[in-house]
Amino acid sequence: MDIKVLGTGCKKCIVLYNLINEVITELGIHANVEKVEDIAKIVQYGVMLTPGLVINGKVKMSGKVLNKNDVKKYLQEEM
């Protein structure tokens, strides 16, 4: 699974990145998690509000920090 957290390094972006890593560890999912901080790359995904979450090339959400249940839901949709 390929996961990207889009954001310029703000507190919300860091919180989402850490939450993603926590959930994949809990679920035992093998995933490549990447922080994308380059604004040009973020815009290529059509994301204007950060943080953004991209799983397997699909933008799942932008502009808010998810809770753990939402993260699990998005990950399970892509399994």
PDB file of N, CA and C in Angstrom:
ATOM      1  N   MET A   1       0.850  -1.168   0.000  1.00  0.00           N
ATOM      2  CA  MET A   1       0.000   0.000   0.000  1.00  0.00           C
ATOM      3  C   MET A   1       0.898   1.234   0.000  1.00  0.00           C
ATOM      4  N   ASP A   2       0.503   2.217  -0.775  1.00  0.00           N
ATOM      5  CA  ASP A   2       1.266   3.456  -0.881  1.00  0.00           C
ATOM      6  C   ASP A   2       0.438   4.595  -0.282  1.00  0.00           C
ATOM      7  N   ILE A   3       0.972   5.229   0.755  1.00  0.00           N
ATOM      8  CA  ILE A   3       0.253   6.283   1.468  1.00  0.00           C
ATOM      9  C   ILE A   3       1.091   7.550   1.446  1.00  0.00           C
ATOM     10  N   LYS A   4       0.433   8.657   1.113  1.00  0.00           N
ATOM     11  CA  LYS A   4       1.105   9.950   1.129  1.00  0.00           C
ATOM     12  C   LYS A   4       0.307  10.909   2.005  1.00  0.00           C
ATOM     13  N   VAL A   5       1.017  11.590   2.894  1.00  0.00           N
ATOM     14  CA  VAL A   5       0.423  12.658   3.688  1.00  0.00           C
ATOM     15  C   VAL A   5       0.921  13.956   3.076  1.00  0.00           C
ATOM     16  N   LEU A   6      -0.006  14.745   2.546  1.00  0.00           N
ATOM     17  CA  LEU A   6       0.340  15.983   1.866  1.00  0.00           C
ATOM     18  C   LEU A   6       0.247  17.150   2.832  1.00  0.00           C
ATOM     19  N   GLY A   7       1.303  17.922   2.928  1.00  0.00           N
ATOM     20  CA  GLY A   7       1.290  19.096   3.791  1.00  0.00           C
ATOM     21  C   GLY A   7       2.672  19.695   3.908  1.00  0.00           C
ATOM     22  N   THR A   8       2.705  20.952   4.257  1.00  0.00           N
ATOM     23  CA  THR A   8       3.968  21.697   4.285  1.00  0.00           C
ATOM     24  C   THR A   8       4.716  21.564   5.603  1.00  0.00           C
ATOM     25  N   GLY A   9       4.258  20.699   6.483  1.00  0.00           N
ATOM     26  CA  GLY A   9       4.957  20.500   7.747  1.00  0.00           C
ATOM     27  C   GLY A   9       4.259  21.141   8.930  1.00  0.00           C
ATOM     28  N   CYS A  10       3.008  21.552   8.747  1.00  0.00           N
ATOM     29  CA  CYS A  10       2.260  22.171   9.844  1.00  0.00           C
ATOM     30  C   CYS A  10       1.932  21.120  10.914  1.00  0.00           C
ATOM     31  N   LYS A  11       1.460  21.582  12.045  1.00  0.00           N
ATOM     32  CA  LYS A  11       1.163  20.684  13.157  1.00  0.00           C
ATOM     33  C   LYS A  11       0.120  19.629  12.769  1.00  0.00           C
ATOM     34  N   LYS A  12      -0.926  20.028  12.041  1.00  0.00           N
ATOM     35  CA  LYS A  12      -1.964  19.081  11.628  1.00  0.00           C
ATOM     36  C   LYS A  12      -1.411  17.998  10.716  1.00  0.00           C
ATOM     37  N   CYS A  13      -0.481  18.375   9.856  1.00  0.00           N
ATOM     38  CA  CYS A  13       0.135  17.416   8.941  1.00  0.00           C
ATOM     39  C   CYS A  13       0.951  16.380   9.712  1.00  0.00           C
ATOM     40  N   ILE A  14       1.680  16.842  10.705  1.00  0.00           N
ATOM     41  CA  ILE A  14       2.489  15.947  11.531  1.00  0.00           C
ATOM     42  C   ILE A  14       1.596  15.014  12.332  1.00  0.00           C
ATOM     43  N   VAL A  15       0.504  15.541  12.878  1.00  0.00           N
ATOM     44  CA  VAL A  15      -0.437  14.717  13.636  1.00  0.00           C
ATOM     45  C   VAL A  15      -1.005  13.616  12.744  1.00  0.00           C
ATOM     46  N   LEU A  16      -1.419  13.960  11.523  1.00  0.00           N
ATOM     47  CA  LEU A  16      -1.969  12.964  10.604  1.00  0.00           C
ATOM     48  C   LEU A  16      -0.917  11.929  10.231  1.00  0.00           C
ATOM     49  N   TYR A  17       0.287  12.349   9.951  1.00  0.00           N
ATOM     50  CA  TYR A  17       1.369  11.427   9.601  1.00  0.00           C
ATOM     51  C   TYR A  17       1.600  10.423  10.730  1.00  0.00           C
ATOM     52  N   ASN A  18       1.661  10.921  11.954  1.00  0.00           N
ATOM     53  CA  ASN A  18       1.882  10.040  13.104  1.00  0.00           C
ATOM     54  C   ASN A  18       0.703   9.090  13.313  1.00  0.00           C
ATOM     55  N   LEU A  19      -0.512   9.581  13.114  1.00  0.00           N
ATOM     56  CA  LEU A  19      -1.702   8.746  13.259  1.00  0.00           C
ATOM     57  C   LEU A  19      -1.723   7.635  12.216  1.00  0.00           C
ATOM     58  N   ILE A  20      -1.371   7.960  10.993  1.00  0.00           N
ATOM     59  CA  ILE A  20      -1.309   6.946   9.932  1.00  0.00           C
ATOM     60  C   ILE A  20      -0.339   5.839  10.325  1.00  0.00           C
ATOM     61  N   ASN A  21       0.838   6.219  10.791  1.00  0.00           N
ATOM     62  CA  ASN A  21       1.830   5.214  11.185  1.00  0.00           C
ATOM     63  C   ASN A  21       1.345   4.370  12.359  1.00  0.00           C
ATOM     64  N   GLU A  22       0.661   4.984  13.293  1.00  0.00           N
ATOM     65  CA  GLU A  22       0.115   4.262  14.438  1.00  0.00           C
ATOM     66  C   GLU A  22      -0.919   3.223  13.985  1.00  0.00           C
ATOM     67  N   VAL A  23      -1.810   3.623  13.098  1.00  0.00           N
ATOM     68  CA  VAL A  23      -2.882   2.727  12.652  1.00  0.00           C
ATOM     69  C   VAL A  23      -2.333   1.578  11.803  1.00  0.00           C
ATOM     70  N   ILE A  24      -1.398   1.852  10.905  1.00  0.00           N
ATOM     71  CA  ILE A  24      -0.877   0.745  10.090  1.00  0.00           C
ATOM     72  C   ILE A  24      -0.119  -0.259  10.959  1.00  0.00           C
ATOM     73  N   THR A  25       0.519   0.218  12.017  1.00  0.00           N
ATOM     74  CA  THR A  25       1.187  -0.690  12.947  1.00  0.00           C
ATOM     75  C   THR A  25       0.153  -1.541  13.681  1.00  0.00           C
ATOM     76  N   GLU A  26      -0.910  -0.912  14.169  1.00  0.00           N
ATOM     77  CA  GLU A  26      -1.974  -1.631  14.875  1.00  0.00           C
ATOM     78  C   GLU A  26      -2.630  -2.686  13.995  1.00  0.00           C
ATOM     79  N   LEU A  27      -2.860  -2.347  12.724  1.00  0.00           N
ATOM     80  CA  LEU A  27      -3.549  -3.259  11.815  1.00  0.00           C
ATOM     81  C   LEU A  27      -2.607  -4.256  11.148  1.00  0.00           C
ATOM     82  N   GLY A  28      -1.304  -4.074  11.330  1.00  0.00           N
ATOM     83  CA  GLY A  28      -0.326  -4.965  10.719  1.00  0.00           C
ATOM     84  C   GLY A  28      -0.258  -4.835   9.210  1.00  0.00           C
ATOM     85  N   ILE A  29      -0.495  -3.637   8.717  1.00  0.00           N
ATOM     86  CA  ILE A  29      -0.483  -3.378   7.272  1.00  0.00           C
ATOM     87  C   ILE A  29       0.932  -3.021   6.829  1.00  0.00           C
ATOM     88  N   HIS A  30       1.363  -3.632   5.730  1.00  0.00           N
ATOM     89  CA  HIS A  30       2.637  -3.249   5.126  1.00  0.00           C
ATOM     90  C   HIS A  30       2.361  -2.078   4.191  1.00  0.00           C
ATOM     91  N   ALA A  31       2.964  -0.939   4.480  1.00  0.00           N
ATOM     92  CA  ALA A  31       2.706   0.246   3.670  1.00  0.00           C
ATOM     93  C   ALA A  31       3.942   1.124   3.591  1.00  0.00           C
ATOM     94  N   ASN A  32       4.043   1.824   2.490  1.00  0.00           N
ATOM     95  CA  ASN A  32       5.064   2.843   2.313  1.00  0.00           C
ATOM     96  C   ASN A  32       4.387   4.180   2.621  1.00  0.00           C
ATOM     97  N   VAL A  33       4.799   4.827   3.716  1.00  0.00           N
ATOM     98  CA  VAL A  33       4.195   6.097   4.119  1.00  0.00           C
ATOM     99  C   VAL A  33       5.184   7.212   3.825  1.00  0.00           C
ATOM    100  N   GLU A  34       4.736   8.205   3.087  1.00  0.00           N
ATOM    101  CA  GLU A  34       5.608   9.301   2.660  1.00  0.00           C
ATOM    102  C   GLU A  34       4.964  10.640   2.999  1.00  0.00           C
ATOM    103  N   LYS A  35       5.779  11.564   3.507  1.00  0.00           N
ATOM    104  CA  LYS A  35       5.325  12.945   3.698  1.00  0.00           C
ATOM    105  C   LYS A  35       5.702  13.730   2.446  1.00  0.00           C
ATOM    106  N   VAL A  36       4.729  14.382   1.860  1.00  0.00           N
ATOM    107  CA  VAL A  36       4.968  15.197   0.673  1.00  0.00           C
ATOM    108  C   VAL A  36       4.800  16.652   1.101  1.00  0.00           C
ATOM    109  N   GLU A  37       5.903  17.400   1.090  1.00  0.00           N
ATOM    110  CA  GLU A  37       5.881  18.786   1.540  1.00  0.00           C
ATOM    111  C   GLU A  37       6.053  19.796   0.415  1.00  0.00           C
ATOM    112  N   ASP A  38       6.367  19.311  -0.779  1.00  0.00           N
ATOM    113  CA  ASP A  38       6.561  20.181  -1.933  1.00  0.00           C
ATOM    114  C   ASP A  38       5.199  20.672  -2.431  1.00  0.00           C
ATOM    115  N   ILE A  39       4.990  21.983  -2.401  1.00  0.00           N
ATOM    116  CA  ILE A  39       3.699  22.563  -2.764  1.00  0.00           C
ATOM    117  C   ILE A  39       3.293  22.202  -4.191  1.00  0.00           C
ATOM    118  N   ALA A  40       4.224  22.194  -5.116  1.00  0.00           N
ATOM    119  CA  ALA A  40       3.911  21.850  -6.504  1.00  0.00           C
ATOM    120  C   ALA A  40       3.381  20.421  -6.605  1.00  0.00           C
ATOM    121  N   LYS A  41       3.966  19.498  -5.857  1.00  0.00           N
ATOM    122  CA  LYS A  41       3.503  18.106  -5.876  1.00  0.00           C
ATOM    123  C   LYS A  41       2.142  17.977  -5.211  1.00  0.00           C
ATOM    124  N   ILE A  42       1.922  18.739  -4.140  1.00  0.00           N
ATOM    125  CA  ILE A  42       0.628  18.713  -3.448  1.00  0.00           C
ATOM    126  C   ILE A  42      -0.475  19.187  -4.399  1.00  0.00           C
ATOM    127  N   VAL A  43      -0.218  20.272  -5.117  1.00  0.00           N
ATOM    128  CA  VAL A  43      -1.206  20.833  -6.047  1.00  0.00           C
ATOM    129  C   VAL A  43      -1.499  19.858  -7.186  1.00  0.00           C
ATOM    130  N   GLN A  44      -0.518  19.060  -7.587  1.00  0.00           N
ATOM    131  CA  GLN A  44      -0.744  18.069  -8.649  1.00  0.00           C
ATOM    132  C   GLN A  44      -1.850  17.081  -8.281  1.00  0.00           C
ATOM    133  N   TYR A  45      -2.046  16.859  -6.999  1.00  0.00           N
ATOM    134  CA  TYR A  45      -3.123  15.978  -6.539  1.00  0.00           C
ATOM    135  C   TYR A  45      -4.468  16.715  -6.461  1.00  0.00           C
ATOM    136  N   GLY A  46      -4.459  18.007  -6.715  1.00  0.00           N
ATOM    137  CA  GLY A  46      -5.688  18.793  -6.636  1.00  0.00           C
ATOM    138  C   GLY A  46      -6.045  19.206  -5.220  1.00  0.00           C
ATOM    139  N   VAL A  47      -5.093  19.069  -4.316  1.00  0.00           N
ATOM    140  CA  VAL A  47      -5.319  19.404  -2.909  1.00  0.00           C
ATOM    141  C   VAL A  47      -4.945  20.862  -2.679  1.00  0.00           C
ATOM    142  N   MET A  48      -5.901  21.627  -2.189  1.00  0.00           N
ATOM    143  CA  MET A  48      -5.662  23.041  -1.894  1.00  0.00           C
ATOM    144  C   MET A  48      -5.603  23.310  -0.392  1.00  0.00           C
ATOM    145  N   LEU A  49      -6.175  22.415   0.392  1.00  0.00           N
ATOM    146  CA  LEU A  49      -6.139  22.539   1.852  1.00  0.00           C
ATOM    147  C   LEU A  49      -5.394  21.344   2.424  1.00  0.00           C
ATOM    148  N   THR A  50      -4.466  21.608   3.324  1.00  0.00           N
ATOM    149  CA  THR A  50      -3.710  20.531   3.936  1.00  0.00           C
ATOM    150  C   THR A  50      -4.157  20.365   5.380  1.00  0.00           C
ATOM    151  N   PRO A  51      -3.942  19.206   5.955  1.00  0.00           N
ATOM    152  CA  PRO A  51      -3.272  18.055   5.354  1.00  0.00           C
ATOM    153  C   PRO A  51      -4.168  17.343   4.347  1.00  0.00           C
ATOM    154  N   GLY A  52      -3.514  16.595   3.489  1.00  0.00           N
ATOM    155  CA  GLY A  52      -4.222  15.756   2.536  1.00  0.00           C
ATOM    156  C   GLY A  52      -3.761  14.321   2.700  1.00  0.00           C
ATOM    157  N   LEU A  53      -4.636  13.400   2.374  1.00  0.00           N
ATOM    158  CA  LEU A  53      -4.304  11.981   2.480  1.00  0.00           C
ATOM    159  C   LEU A  53      -4.546  11.314   1.134  1.00  0.00           C
ATOM    160  N   VAL A  54      -3.507  10.668   0.612  1.00  0.00           N
ATOM    161  CA  VAL A  54      -3.583   9.951  -0.653  1.00  0.00           C
ATOM    162  C   VAL A  54      -3.209   8.497  -0.377  1.00  0.00           C
ATOM    163  N   ILE A  55      -4.092   7.584  -0.761  1.00  0.00           N
ATOM    164  CA  ILE A  55      -3.825   6.155  -0.590  1.00  0.00           C
ATOM    165  C   ILE A  55      -3.927   5.492  -1.957  1.00  0.00           C
ATOM    166  N   ASN A  56      -2.852   4.833  -2.340  1.00  0.00           N
ATOM    167  CA  ASN A  56      -2.776   4.154  -3.638  1.00  0.00           C
ATOM    168  C   ASN A  56      -3.182   5.080  -4.791  1.00  0.00           C
ATOM    169  N   GLY A  57      -2.719   6.329  -4.712  1.00  0.00           N
ATOM    170  CA  GLY A  57      -2.943   7.296  -5.777  1.00  0.00           C
ATOM    171  C   GLY A  57      -4.287   7.997  -5.744  1.00  0.00           C
ATOM    172  N   LYS A  58      -5.141   7.671  -4.762  1.00  0.00           N
ATOM    173  CA  LYS A  58      -6.470   8.273  -4.663  1.00  0.00           C
ATOM    174  C   LYS A  58      -6.511   9.252  -3.501  1.00  0.00           C
ATOM    175  N   VAL A  59      -6.946  10.483  -3.774  1.00  0.00           N
ATOM    176  CA  VAL A  59      -7.094  11.470  -2.708  1.00  0.00           C
ATOM    177  C   VAL A  59      -8.301  11.070  -1.883  1.00  0.00           C
ATOM    178  N   LYS A  60      -8.072  10.820  -0.595  1.00  0.00           N
ATOM    179  CA  LYS A  60      -9.149  10.384   0.300  1.00  0.00           C
ATOM    180  C   LYS A  60      -9.757  11.555   1.067  1.00  0.00           C
ATOM    181  N   MET A  61      -8.952  12.558   1.383  1.00  0.00           N
ATOM    182  CA  MET A  61      -9.472  13.726   2.092  1.00  0.00           C
ATOM    183  C   MET A  61      -8.427  14.818   2.098  1.00  0.00           C
ATOM    184  N   SER A  62      -8.921  16.042   2.375  1.00  0.00           N
ATOM    185  CA  SER A  62      -8.002  17.165   2.542  1.00  0.00           C
ATOM    186  C   SER A  62      -8.631  18.188   3.472  1.00  0.00           C
ATOM    187  N   GLY A  63      -7.773  18.921   4.151  1.00  0.00           N
ATOM    188  CA  GLY A  63      -8.207  20.046   4.956  1.00  0.00           C
ATOM    189  C   GLY A  63      -8.584  19.755   6.384  1.00  0.00           C
ATOM    190  N   LYS A  64      -8.391  18.518   6.845  1.00  0.00           N
ATOM    191  CA  LYS A  64      -8.712  18.231   8.242  1.00  0.00           C
ATOM    192  C   LYS A  64      -7.866  17.072   8.741  1.00  0.00           C
ATOM    193  N   VAL A  65      -7.817  16.954  10.064  1.00  0.00           N
ATOM    194  CA  VAL A  65      -7.145  15.814  10.684  1.00  0.00           C
ATOM    195  C   VAL A  65      -8.221  14.778  10.971  1.00  0.00           C
ATOM    196  N   LEU A  66      -7.973  13.568  10.548  1.00  0.00           N
ATOM    197  CA  LEU A  66      -8.923  12.486  10.753  1.00  0.00           C
ATOM    198  C   LEU A  66      -8.788  11.898  12.145  1.00  0.00           C
ATOM    199  N   ASN A  67      -9.831  11.220  12.591  1.00  0.00           N
ATOM    200  CA  ASN A  67      -9.698  10.443  13.820  1.00  0.00           C
ATOM    201  C   ASN A  67      -9.271   9.028  13.437  1.00  0.00           C
ATOM    202  N   LYS A  68      -8.947   8.234  14.435  1.00  0.00           N
ATOM    203  CA  LYS A  68      -8.411   6.900  14.186  1.00  0.00           C
ATOM    204  C   LYS A  68      -9.389   6.028  13.401  1.00  0.00           C
ATOM    205  N   ASN A  69     -10.681   6.113  13.701  1.00  0.00           N
ATOM    206  CA  ASN A  69     -11.667   5.289  12.991  1.00  0.00           C
ATOM    207  C   ASN A  69     -11.752   5.657  11.513  1.00  0.00           C
ATOM    208  N   ASP A  70     -11.665   6.948  11.198  1.00  0.00           N
ATOM    209  CA  ASP A  70     -11.679   7.368   9.796  1.00  0.00           C
ATOM    210  C   ASP A  70     -10.459   6.845   9.050  1.00  0.00           C
ATOM    211  N   VAL A  71      -9.304   6.909   9.694  1.00  0.00           N
ATOM    212  CA  VAL A  71      -8.077   6.405   9.070  1.00  0.00           C
ATOM    213  C   VAL A  71      -8.225   4.914   8.796  1.00  0.00           C
ATOM    214  N   LYS A  72      -8.724   4.157   9.765  1.00  0.00           N
ATOM    215  CA  LYS A  72      -8.918   2.715   9.574  1.00  0.00           C
ATOM    216  C   LYS A  72      -9.856   2.448   8.409  1.00  0.00           C
ATOM    217  N   LYS A  73     -10.932   3.205   8.310  1.00  0.00           N
ATOM    218  CA  LYS A  73     -11.914   3.038   7.240  1.00  0.00           C
ATOM    219  C   LYS A  73     -11.255   3.244   5.875  1.00  0.00           C
ATOM    220  N   TYR A  74     -10.515   4.335   5.736  1.00  0.00           N
ATOM    221  CA  TYR A  74      -9.860   4.618   4.459  1.00  0.00           C
ATOM    222  C   TYR A  74      -8.846   3.546   4.093  1.00  0.00           C
ATOM    223  N   LEU A  75      -8.088   3.069   5.072  1.00  0.00           N
ATOM    224  CA  LEU A  75      -7.100   2.029   4.799  1.00  0.00           C
ATOM    225  C   LEU A  75      -7.772   0.723   4.397  1.00  0.00           C
ATOM    226  N   GLN A  76      -8.840   0.369   5.103  1.00  0.00           N
ATOM    227  CA  GLN A  76      -9.527  -0.880   4.796  1.00  0.00           C
ATOM    228  C   GLN A  76     -10.199  -0.836   3.428  1.00  0.00           C
ATOM    229  N   GLU A  77     -10.632   0.342   2.991  1.00  0.00           N
ATOM    230  CA  GLU A  77     -11.197   0.477   1.647  1.00  0.00           C
ATOM    231  C   GLU A  77     -10.184   0.126   0.568  1.00  0.00           C
ATOM    232  N   GLU A  78      -8.917   0.338   0.855  1.00  0.00           N
ATOM    233  CA  GLU A  78      -7.858   0.128  -0.147  1.00  0.00           C
ATOM    234  C   GLU A  78      -7.152  -1.219  -0.015  1.00  0.00           C
ATOM    235  N   MET A  79      -7.570  -2.022   0.941  1.00  0.00           N
ATOM    236  CA  MET A  79      -6.928  -3.339   1.117  1.00  0.00           C
ATOM    237  C   MET A  79      -7.512  -4.367   0.168  1.00  0.00           C
TER     238      MET A  79
END
